[in-house]
Amino acid sequence: MTTCPRCDSNETKVLCESPVKGCWIMYSCPVCTFTWRSTEPEAITNPEMYNPRFKVDPSDMGKYQIHPPIAQKRKS
């Protein structure tokens, strides 16, 4: 399980993986809507190194603007 670098949630999910196996993984946090790739520098991927100015408290999420849902991928 990966911890969200921005809000420290343990609810993160794998959003997608590289078409080239093992190249990268993209994660998404359903709590704060933060997304990141496994190839980002540690200052982005490691919650302990993430810049405290950009951290969010999950209990404050209700104060922020509502994010529209991501549209479903269209079939080709």
PDB file of N, CA and C in Angstrom:
ATOM      1  N   MET A   1       0.856  -1.186   0.000  1.00  0.00           N
ATOM      2  CA  MET A   1       0.000   0.000   0.000  1.00  0.00           C
ATOM      3  C   MET A   1       0.895   1.240   0.000  1.00  0.00           C
ATOM      4  N   THR A   2       0.550   2.206  -0.811  1.00  0.00           N
ATOM      5  CA  THR A   2       1.282   3.461  -0.905  1.00  0.00           C
ATOM      6  C   THR A   2       0.521   4.537  -0.143  1.00  0.00           C
ATOM      7  N   THR A   3       1.250   5.351   0.593  1.00  0.00           N
ATOM      8  CA  THR A   3       0.656   6.459   1.342  1.00  0.00           C
ATOM      9  C   THR A   3       0.685   7.714   0.479  1.00  0.00           C
ATOM     10  N   CYS A   4      -0.392   8.475   0.497  1.00  0.00           N
ATOM     11  CA  CYS A   4      -0.452   9.725  -0.264  1.00  0.00           C
ATOM     12  C   CYS A   4       0.554  10.717   0.309  1.00  0.00           C
ATOM     13  N   PRO A   5       1.423  11.264  -0.537  1.00  0.00           N
ATOM     14  CA  PRO A   5       2.399  12.238  -0.057  1.00  0.00           C
ATOM     15  C   PRO A   5       1.762  13.539   0.422  1.00  0.00           C
ATOM     16  N   ARG A   6       0.600  13.890  -0.129  1.00  0.00           N
ATOM     17  CA  ARG A   6      -0.009  15.182   0.196  1.00  0.00           C
ATOM     18  C   ARG A   6      -0.869  15.146   1.450  1.00  0.00           C
ATOM     19  N   CYS A   7      -1.663  14.080   1.646  1.00  0.00           N
ATOM     20  CA  CYS A   7      -2.573  14.078   2.803  1.00  0.00           C
ATOM     21  C   CYS A   7      -2.333  12.912   3.765  1.00  0.00           C
ATOM     22  N   ASP A   8      -1.349  12.070   3.470  1.00  0.00           N
ATOM     23  CA  ASP A   8      -0.985  10.921   4.313  1.00  0.00           C
ATOM     24  C   ASP A   8      -2.075   9.854   4.402  1.00  0.00           C
ATOM     25  N   SER A   9      -3.000   9.848   3.473  1.00  0.00           N
ATOM     26  CA  SER A   9      -4.049   8.827   3.444  1.00  0.00           C
ATOM     27  C   SER A   9      -3.463   7.489   2.994  1.00  0.00           C
ATOM     28  N   ASN A  10      -4.018   6.412   3.515  1.00  0.00           N
ATOM     29  CA  ASN A  10      -3.622   5.069   3.080  1.00  0.00           C
ATOM     30  C   ASN A  10      -4.629   4.482   2.098  1.00  0.00           C
ATOM     31  N   GLU A  11      -5.496   5.325   1.558  1.00  0.00           N
ATOM     32  CA  GLU A  11      -6.543   4.865   0.643  1.00  0.00           C
ATOM     33  C   GLU A  11      -6.143   4.976  -0.825  1.00  0.00           C
ATOM     34  N   THR A  12      -4.860   5.178  -1.109  1.00  0.00           N
ATOM     35  CA  THR A  12      -4.431   5.380  -2.491  1.00  0.00           C
ATOM     36  C   THR A  12      -4.704   4.159  -3.358  1.00  0.00           C
ATOM     37  N   LYS A  13      -4.871   4.422  -4.630  1.00  0.00           N
ATOM     38  CA  LYS A  13      -5.171   3.371  -5.604  1.00  0.00           C
ATOM     39  C   LYS A  13      -4.209   3.495  -6.786  1.00  0.00           C
ATOM     40  N   VAL A  14      -3.970   2.382  -7.454  1.00  0.00           N
ATOM     41  CA  VAL A  14      -3.216   2.417  -8.702  1.00  0.00           C
ATOM     42  C   VAL A  14      -4.181   2.910  -9.773  1.00  0.00           C
ATOM     43  N   LEU A  15      -3.816   4.009 -10.411  1.00  0.00           N
ATOM     44  CA  LEU A  15      -4.658   4.595 -11.454  1.00  0.00           C
ATOM     45  C   LEU A  15      -4.408   3.892 -12.789  1.00  0.00           C
ATOM     46  N   CYS A  16      -3.130   3.695 -13.117  1.00  0.00           N
ATOM     47  CA  CYS A  16      -2.763   2.978 -14.335  1.00  0.00           C
ATOM     48  C   CYS A  16      -1.290   2.591 -14.256  1.00  0.00           C
ATOM     49  N   GLU A  17      -0.881   1.737 -15.169  1.00  0.00           N
ATOM     50  CA  GLU A  17       0.518   1.319 -15.236  1.00  0.00           C
ATOM     51  C   GLU A  17       1.028   1.526 -16.646  1.00  0.00           C
ATOM     52  N   SER A  18       2.331   1.692 -16.750  1.00  0.00           N
ATOM     53  CA  SER A  18       2.971   1.902 -18.038  1.00  0.00           C
ATOM     54  C   SER A  18       2.677   0.749 -18.990  1.00  0.00           C
ATOM     55  N   PRO A  19       2.501   1.056 -20.281  1.00  0.00           N
ATOM     56  CA  PRO A  19       2.346  -0.022 -21.254  1.00  0.00           C
ATOM     57  C   PRO A  19       3.598  -0.911 -21.309  1.00  0.00           C
ATOM     58  N   VAL A  20       4.742  -0.325 -20.946  1.00  0.00           N
ATOM     59  CA  VAL A  20       5.985  -1.090 -20.850  1.00  0.00           C
ATOM     60  C   VAL A  20       6.073  -1.576 -19.411  1.00  0.00           C
ATOM     61  N   LYS A  21       5.912  -2.866 -19.204  1.00  0.00           N
ATOM     62  CA  LYS A  21       5.829  -3.438 -17.862  1.00  0.00           C
ATOM     63  C   LYS A  21       6.984  -2.972 -16.968  1.00  0.00           C
ATOM     64  N   GLY A  22       6.616  -2.465 -15.782  1.00  0.00           N
ATOM     65  CA  GLY A  22       7.595  -2.060 -14.783  1.00  0.00           C
ATOM     66  C   GLY A  22       8.222  -0.690 -14.987  1.00  0.00           C
ATOM     67  N   CYS A  23       7.801   0.036 -16.017  1.00  0.00           N
ATOM     68  CA  CYS A  23       8.403   1.346 -16.297  1.00  0.00           C
ATOM     69  C   CYS A  23       7.937   2.399 -15.290  1.00  0.00           C
ATOM     70  N   TRP A  24       6.644   2.472 -15.032  1.00  0.00           N
ATOM     71  CA  TRP A  24       6.092   3.391 -14.034  1.00  0.00           C
ATOM     72  C   TRP A  24       4.694   2.944 -13.637  1.00  0.00           C
ATOM     73  N   ILE A  25       4.260   3.442 -12.490  1.00  0.00           N
ATOM     74  CA  ILE A  25       2.902   3.227 -11.994  1.00  0.00           C
ATOM     75  C   ILE A  25       2.357   4.601 -11.637  1.00  0.00           C
ATOM     76  N   MET A  26       1.109   4.855 -11.961  1.00  0.00           N
ATOM     77  CA  MET A  26       0.481   6.122 -11.588  1.00  0.00           C
ATOM     78  C   MET A  26      -0.513   5.851 -10.471  1.00  0.00           C
ATOM     79  N   TYR A  27      -0.384   6.635  -9.395  1.00  0.00           N
ATOM     80  CA  TYR A  27      -1.231   6.479  -8.219  1.00  0.00           C
ATOM     81  C   TYR A  27      -2.197   7.648  -8.112  1.00  0.00           C
ATOM     82  N   SER A  28      -3.306   7.412  -7.436  1.00  0.00           N
ATOM     83  CA  SER A  28      -4.308   8.444  -7.211  1.00  0.00           C
ATOM     84  C   SER A  28      -4.810   8.341  -5.775  1.00  0.00           C
ATOM     85  N   CYS A  29      -5.038   9.494  -5.168  1.00  0.00           N
ATOM     86  CA  CYS A  29      -5.588   9.534  -3.817  1.00  0.00           C
ATOM     87  C   CYS A  29      -7.041  10.004  -3.899  1.00  0.00           C
ATOM     88  N   PRO A  30      -7.992   9.160  -3.496  1.00  0.00           N
ATOM     89  CA  PRO A  30      -9.394   9.569  -3.547  1.00  0.00           C
ATOM     90  C   PRO A  30      -9.770  10.589  -2.475  1.00  0.00           C
ATOM     91  N   VAL A  31      -8.909  10.769  -1.487  1.00  0.00           N
ATOM     92  CA  VAL A  31      -9.193  11.710  -0.398  1.00  0.00           C
ATOM     93  C   VAL A  31      -8.910  13.146  -0.835  1.00  0.00           C
ATOM     94  N   CYS A  32      -7.713  13.388  -1.398  1.00  0.00           N
ATOM     95  CA  CYS A  32      -7.331  14.768  -1.754  1.00  0.00           C
ATOM     96  C   CYS A  32      -7.167  14.975  -3.261  1.00  0.00           C
ATOM     97  N   THR A  33      -7.454  13.958  -4.058  1.00  0.00           N
ATOM     98  CA  THR A  33      -7.379  13.977  -5.525  1.00  0.00           C
ATOM     99  C   THR A  33      -5.969  14.173  -6.079  1.00  0.00           C
ATOM    100  N   PHE A  34      -4.957  13.944  -5.281  1.00  0.00           N
ATOM    101  CA  PHE A  34      -3.577  14.064  -5.743  1.00  0.00           C
ATOM    102  C   PHE A  34      -3.222  12.842  -6.578  1.00  0.00           C
ATOM    103  N   THR A  35      -2.493  13.042  -7.673  1.00  0.00           N
ATOM    104  CA  THR A  35      -1.992  11.935  -8.484  1.00  0.00           C
ATOM    105  C   THR A  35      -0.493  12.098  -8.674  1.00  0.00           C
ATOM    106  N   TRP A  36       0.215  10.972  -8.780  1.00  0.00           N
ATOM    107  CA  TRP A  36       1.660  11.007  -8.976  1.00  0.00           C
ATOM    108  C   TRP A  36       2.131   9.705  -9.591  1.00  0.00           C
ATOM    109  N   ARG A  37       3.283   9.785 -10.253  1.00  0.00           N
ATOM    110  CA  ARG A  37       3.907   8.609 -10.853  1.00  0.00           C
ATOM    111  C   ARG A  37       4.996   8.075  -9.926  1.00  0.00           C
ATOM    112  N   SER A  38       5.237   6.805 -10.012  1.00  0.00           N
ATOM    113  CA  SER A  38       6.279   6.175  -9.198  1.00  0.00           C
ATOM    114  C   SER A  38       7.670   6.691  -9.563  1.00  0.00           C
ATOM    115  N   THR A  39       7.811   7.312 -10.719  1.00  0.00           N
ATOM    116  CA  THR A  39       9.110   7.812 -11.174  1.00  0.00           C
ATOM    117  C   THR A  39       9.390   9.248 -10.737  1.00  0.00           C
ATOM    118  N   GLU A  40       8.456   9.874 -10.033  1.00  0.00           N
ATOM    119  CA  GLU A  40       8.666  11.243  -9.541  1.00  0.00           C
ATOM    120  C   GLU A  40       9.807  11.234  -8.524  1.00  0.00           C
ATOM    121  N   PRO A  41      10.461  12.376  -8.304  1.00  0.00           N
ATOM    122  CA  PRO A  41      11.509  12.433  -7.280  1.00  0.00           C
ATOM    123  C   PRO A  41      10.934  12.180  -5.885  1.00  0.00           C
ATOM    124  N   GLU A  42      11.805  11.778  -4.970  1.00  0.00           N
ATOM    125  CA  GLU A  42      11.360  11.452  -3.613  1.00  0.00           C
ATOM    126  C   GLU A  42      10.672  12.619  -2.920  1.00  0.00           C
ATOM    127  N   ALA A  43      11.004  13.834  -3.295  1.00  0.00           N
ATOM    128  CA  ALA A  43      10.353  15.009  -2.698  1.00  0.00           C
ATOM    129  C   ALA A  43       8.864  15.042  -3.034  1.00  0.00           C
ATOM    130  N   ILE A  44       8.456  14.286  -4.050  1.00  0.00           N
ATOM    131  CA  ILE A  44       7.043  14.192  -4.424  1.00  0.00           C
ATOM    132  C   ILE A  44       6.428  12.897  -3.908  1.00  0.00           C
ATOM    133  N   THR A  45       7.141  11.793  -3.977  1.00  0.00           N
ATOM    134  CA  THR A  45       6.566  10.482  -3.650  1.00  0.00           C
ATOM    135  C   THR A  45       6.657  10.084  -2.183  1.00  0.00           C
ATOM    136  N   ASN A  46       7.587  10.656  -1.456  1.00  0.00           N
ATOM    137  CA  ASN A  46       7.792  10.285  -0.054  1.00  0.00           C
ATOM    138  C   ASN A  46       7.043  11.271   0.851  1.00  0.00           C
ATOM    139  N   PRO A  47       6.031  10.811   1.588  1.00  0.00           N
ATOM    140  CA  PRO A  47       5.256  11.719   2.444  1.00  0.00           C
ATOM    141  C   PRO A  47       6.108  12.494   3.452  1.00  0.00           C
ATOM    142  N   GLU A  48       7.195  11.894   3.913  1.00  0.00           N
ATOM    143  CA  GLU A  48       8.057  12.576   4.887  1.00  0.00           C
ATOM    144  C   GLU A  48       8.878  13.691   4.251  1.00  0.00           C
ATOM    145  N   MET A  49       9.098  13.606   2.940  1.00  0.00           N
ATOM    146  CA  MET A  49       9.894  14.620   2.246  1.00  0.00           C
ATOM    147  C   MET A  49       9.036  15.623   1.477  1.00  0.00           C
ATOM    148  N   TYR A  50       7.733  15.354   1.380  1.00  0.00           N
ATOM    149  CA  TYR A  50       6.834  16.241   0.641  1.00  0.00           C
ATOM    150  C   TYR A  50       6.796  17.608   1.329  1.00  0.00           C
ATOM    151  N   ASN A  51       6.861  18.667   0.552  1.00  0.00           N
ATOM    152  CA  ASN A  51       6.918  20.026   1.095  1.00  0.00           C
ATOM    153  C   ASN A  51       5.701  20.293   1.993  1.00  0.00           C
ATOM    154  N   PRO A  52       5.927  20.600   3.267  1.00  0.00           N
ATOM    155  CA  PRO A  52       4.808  20.822   4.198  1.00  0.00           C
ATOM    156  C   PRO A  52       3.866  21.948   3.777  1.00  0.00           C
ATOM    157  N   ARG A  53       4.348  22.904   2.984  1.00  0.00           N
ATOM    158  CA  ARG A  53       3.482  23.997   2.518  1.00  0.00           C
ATOM    159  C   ARG A  53       2.365  23.484   1.622  1.00  0.00           C
ATOM    160  N   PHE A  54       2.570  22.311   1.009  1.00  0.00           N
ATOM    161  CA  PHE A  54       1.583  21.763   0.080  1.00  0.00           C
ATOM    162  C   PHE A  54       0.788  20.601   0.670  1.00  0.00           C
ATOM    163  N   LYS A  55       1.050  20.259   1.921  1.00  0.00           N
ATOM    164  CA  LYS A  55       0.292  19.195   2.585  1.00  0.00           C
ATOM    165  C   LYS A  55      -1.132  19.683   2.839  1.00  0.00           C
ATOM    166  N   VAL A  56      -2.080  18.755   2.847  1.00  0.00           N
ATOM    167  CA  VAL A  56      -3.456  19.096   3.194  1.00  0.00           C
ATOM    168  C   VAL A  56      -3.939  18.158   4.288  1.00  0.00           C
ATOM    169  N   ASP A  57      -4.819  18.671   5.108  1.00  0.00           N
ATOM    170  CA  ASP A  57      -5.430  17.880   6.172  1.00  0.00           C
ATOM    171  C   ASP A  57      -6.737  17.320   5.614  1.00  0.00           C
ATOM    172  N   PRO A  58      -6.886  15.988   5.584  1.00  0.00           N
ATOM    173  CA  PRO A  58      -8.117  15.414   5.029  1.00  0.00           C
ATOM    174  C   PRO A  58      -9.393  15.961   5.665  1.00  0.00           C
ATOM    175  N   SER A  59      -9.331  16.360   6.921  1.00  0.00           N
ATOM    176  CA  SER A  59     -10.535  16.896   7.573  1.00  0.00           C
ATOM    177  C   SER A  59     -10.909  18.277   7.031  1.00  0.00           C
ATOM    178  N   ASP A  60      -9.999  18.929   6.304  1.00  0.00           N
ATOM    179  CA  ASP A  60     -10.274  20.238   5.708  1.00  0.00           C
ATOM    180  C   ASP A  60     -10.830  20.144   4.288  1.00  0.00           C
ATOM    181  N   MET A  61     -10.911  18.952   3.733  1.00  0.00           N
ATOM    182  CA  MET A  61     -11.308  18.805   2.332  1.00  0.00           C
ATOM    183  C   MET A  61     -12.691  19.400   2.044  1.00  0.00           C
ATOM    184  N   GLY A  62     -13.577  19.401   3.004  1.00  0.00           N
ATOM    185  CA  GLY A  62     -14.904  19.974   2.812  1.00  0.00           C
ATOM    186  C   GLY A  62     -14.886  21.479   2.592  1.00  0.00           C
ATOM    187  N   LYS A  63     -13.800  22.135   2.954  1.00  0.00           N
ATOM    188  CA  LYS A  63     -13.676  23.588   2.792  1.00  0.00           C
ATOM    189  C   LYS A  63     -13.262  23.984   1.376  1.00  0.00           C
ATOM    190  N   TYR A  64     -12.745  23.013   0.625  1.00  0.00           N
ATOM    191  CA  TYR A  64     -12.190  23.319  -0.687  1.00  0.00           C
ATOM    192  C   TYR A  64     -13.240  23.213  -1.779  1.00  0.00           C
ATOM    193  N   GLN A  65     -12.888  23.771  -2.908  1.00  0.00           N
ATOM    194  CA  GLN A  65     -13.752  23.755  -4.075  1.00  0.00           C
ATOM    195  C   GLN A  65     -14.038  22.307  -4.496  1.00  0.00           C
ATOM    196  N   ILE A  66     -15.220  22.076  -4.999  1.00  0.00           N
ATOM    197  CA  ILE A  66     -15.601  20.743  -5.466  1.00  0.00           C
ATOM    198  C   ILE A  66     -14.917  20.463  -6.802  1.00  0.00           C
ATOM    199  N   HIS A  67     -14.368  19.261  -6.934  1.00  0.00           N
ATOM    200  CA  HIS A  67     -13.733  18.848  -8.182  1.00  0.00           C
ATOM    201  C   HIS A  67     -14.746  18.072  -9.021  1.00  0.00           C
ATOM    202  N   PRO A  68     -14.861  18.406 -10.306  1.00  0.00           N
ATOM    203  CA  PRO A  68     -15.771  17.627 -11.149  1.00  0.00           C
ATOM    204  C   PRO A  68     -15.206  16.224 -11.351  1.00  0.00           C
ATOM    205  N   PRO A  69     -16.078  15.249 -11.560  1.00  0.00           N
ATOM    206  CA  PRO A  69     -15.583  13.887 -11.775  1.00  0.00           C
ATOM    207  C   PRO A  69     -14.829  13.789 -13.097  1.00  0.00           C
ATOM    208  N   ILE A  70     -13.895  12.856 -13.179  1.00  0.00           N
ATOM    209  CA  ILE A  70     -13.162  12.612 -14.415  1.00  0.00           C
ATOM    210  C   ILE A  70     -14.082  11.836 -15.351  1.00  0.00           C
ATOM    211  N   ALA A  71     -14.186  12.316 -16.575  1.00  0.00           N
ATOM    212  CA  ALA A  71     -15.067  11.675 -17.558  1.00  0.00           C
ATOM    213  C   ALA A  71     -14.555  10.285 -17.916  1.00  0.00           C
ATOM    214  N   GLN A  72     -15.482   9.401 -18.251  1.00  0.00           N
ATOM    215  CA  GLN A  72     -15.114   8.062 -18.694  1.00  0.00           C
ATOM    216  C   GLN A  72     -14.427   8.151 -20.056  1.00  0.00           C
ATOM    217  N   LYS A  73     -13.486   7.251 -20.285  1.00  0.00           N
ATOM    218  CA  LYS A  73     -12.784   7.216 -21.561  1.00  0.00           C
ATOM    219  C   LYS A  73     -13.762   6.822 -22.665  1.00  0.00           C
ATOM    220  N   ARG A  74     -13.696   7.542 -23.765  1.00  0.00           N
ATOM    221  CA  ARG A  74     -14.560   7.229 -24.906  1.00  0.00           C
ATOM    222  C   ARG A  74     -14.042   5.993 -25.624  1.00  0.00           C
ATOM    223  N   LYS A  75     -14.968   5.200 -26.124  1.00  0.00           N
ATOM    224  CA  LYS A  75     -14.578   4.033 -26.914  1.00  0.00           C
ATOM    225  C   LYS A  75     -14.239   4.495 -28.320  1.00  0.00           C
ATOM    226  N   SER A  76     -13.161   3.972 -28.857  1.00  0.00           N
ATOM    227  CA  SER A  76     -12.727   4.364 -30.214  1.00  0.00           C
ATOM    228  C   SER A  76     -13.516   3.659 -31.277  1.00  0.00           C
TER     229      SER A  76
END
